[in-house]
């Protein structure tokens, strides 16, 4: 078994922390309202995807690193609808995280 690179460990825990924070923040928006807040449910689902991606990256799941990259690309696209600043920030995060997840040491770790 290959040793997990520090960058993968940090990114995995970053995704878990981001997902937990997003889930905790947006889950508070659920109330017994009519109609049901489906948009809040979708946001919570996106946060849960971050948690799953981070956890399985730590376990060496190759699909999880690709899910993390797609998750960040999704956020960059969403950021474009809000402001140029959000687009730039999420795009930079995407570039940096993709760089570390696609490096040779990371590829070797996920090849297991």
Protein backbone atom coordinates (compact mmCIF):
# COMPACT_ATOMS: atom_id res chain seq x y z
CA UNK A 1 0.00 0.00 0.00
CA UNK A 2 1.34 3.43 -0.97
CA UNK A 3 1.75 6.11 1.64
CA UNK A 4 -0.84 8.86 1.27
CA UNK A 5 0.72 12.18 0.21
CA UNK A 6 0.30 15.04 2.66
CA UNK A 7 -1.46 17.11 -0.01
CA UNK A 8 -4.14 14.43 -0.44
CA UNK A 9 -4.60 14.23 3.32
CA UNK A 10 -5.02 18.00 3.64
CA UNK A 11 -7.38 18.23 0.67
CA UNK A 12 -9.44 15.29 1.92
CA UNK A 13 -9.88 16.88 5.33
CA UNK A 14 -10.57 20.27 3.72
CA UNK A 15 -13.43 18.74 1.74
CA UNK A 16 -14.80 17.01 4.83
CA UNK A 17 -14.64 20.23 6.87
CA UNK A 18 -16.19 22.26 4.05
CA UNK A 19 -19.00 19.74 3.65
CA UNK A 20 -19.73 19.58 7.38
CA UNK A 21 -19.74 23.38 7.67
CA UNK A 22 -22.01 23.75 4.65
CA UNK A 23 -24.34 21.03 5.89
CA UNK A 24 -24.56 22.55 9.38
CA UNK A 25 -25.13 26.05 8.01
CA UNK A 26 -27.78 25.12 5.45
CA UNK A 27 -29.53 22.43 7.50
CA UNK A 28 -30.57 25.21 9.88
CA UNK A 29 -32.68 26.60 7.02
CA UNK A 30 -35.04 23.61 7.17
CA UNK A 31 -38.28 24.47 8.84
CA UNK A 32 -41.77 23.08 8.67
CA UNK A 33 -42.61 25.39 5.80
CA UNK A 34 -45.00 24.83 2.97
CA UNK A 35 -43.90 24.42 0.26
CA UNK A 36 -40.92 22.25 1.12
CA UNK A 37 -37.57 24.05 0.54
CA UNK A 38 -36.16 21.80 -2.21
CA UNK A 39 -33.36 24.26 -2.95
CA UNK A 40 -32.10 23.85 0.62
CA UNK A 41 -32.24 20.09 0.22
CA UNK A 42 -30.11 20.33 -2.94
CA UNK A 43 -27.55 22.55 -1.19
CA UNK A 44 -27.33 20.02 1.65
CA UNK A 45 -26.86 17.25 -0.90
CA UNK A 46 -23.96 19.16 -2.48
CA UNK A 47 -22.40 19.54 0.99
CA UNK A 48 -22.82 15.81 1.62
CA UNK A 49 -21.07 15.10 -1.69
CA UNK A 50 -18.07 17.09 -0.43
CA UNK A 51 -17.97 14.98 2.74
CA UNK A 52 -18.16 11.72 0.80
CA UNK A 53 -15.49 12.88 -1.63
CA UNK A 54 -13.11 13.89 1.15
CA UNK A 55 -13.64 10.70 3.13
CA UNK A 56 -13.08 8.40 0.16
CA UNK A 57 -10.05 10.40 -0.99
CA UNK A 58 -8.50 9.58 2.37
CA UNK A 59 -9.28 5.91 1.70
CA UNK A 60 -7.65 6.05 -1.73
CA UNK A 61 -10.71 6.12 -3.94
CA UNK A 62 -9.68 7.34 -7.39
CA UNK A 63 -13.28 8.25 -8.22
CA UNK A 64 -13.35 10.49 -5.12
CA UNK A 65 -10.57 12.75 -6.37
CA UNK A 66 -12.41 13.18 -9.67
CA UNK A 67 -15.61 13.89 -7.76
CA UNK A 68 -13.76 16.59 -5.80
CA UNK A 69 -12.51 18.20 -9.01
CA UNK A 70 -16.01 18.13 -10.53
CA UNK A 71 -17.45 19.50 -7.27
CA UNK A 72 -15.08 22.46 -7.43
CA UNK A 73 -15.75 23.02 -11.13
CA UNK A 74 -19.46 23.09 -10.31
CA UNK A 75 -18.79 25.76 -7.69
CA UNK A 76 -16.72 27.80 -10.15
CA UNK A 77 -19.63 27.72 -12.60
CA UNK A 78 -22.08 28.71 -9.86
CA UNK A 79 -19.73 31.51 -8.84
CA UNK A 80 -19.93 32.92 -12.35
CA UNK A 81 -23.64 33.53 -11.81
CA UNK A 82 -22.97 35.49 -8.61
CA UNK A 83 -19.95 37.64 -9.25
CA UNK A 84 -16.67 37.80 -11.09
CA UNK A 85 -14.84 37.61 -7.76
CA UNK A 86 -16.49 34.29 -6.85
CA UNK A 87 -15.70 32.90 -10.28
CA UNK A 88 -12.04 33.87 -9.93
CA UNK A 89 -11.69 32.53 -6.38
CA UNK A 90 -13.35 29.19 -7.15
CA UNK A 91 -11.39 28.84 -10.39
CA UNK A 92 -8.11 29.42 -8.56
CA UNK A 93 -9.09 26.88 -5.91
CA UNK A 94 -9.97 24.44 -8.67
CA UNK A 95 -6.60 24.94 -10.36
CA UNK A 96 -4.60 24.54 -7.14
CA UNK A 97 -6.49 21.50 -5.86
CA UNK A 98 -6.53 19.82 -9.29
CA UNK A 99 -2.77 20.40 -9.50
CA UNK A 100 -2.17 18.59 -6.22
CA UNK A 101 -4.66 15.78 -6.92
CA UNK A 102 -3.24 15.10 -10.38
CA UNK A 103 0.46 15.10 -9.48
CA UNK A 104 2.44 11.88 -9.98
CA UNK A 105 2.59 11.04 -6.24
CA UNK A 106 -1.16 11.47 -5.92
CA UNK A 107 -1.79 9.43 -9.07
CA UNK A 108 0.36 6.65 -7.65
CA UNK A 109 -1.56 6.74 -4.35
CA UNK A 110 -4.94 6.57 -6.11
CA UNK A 111 -3.79 3.79 -8.43
CA UNK A 112 -4.10 1.16 -5.67
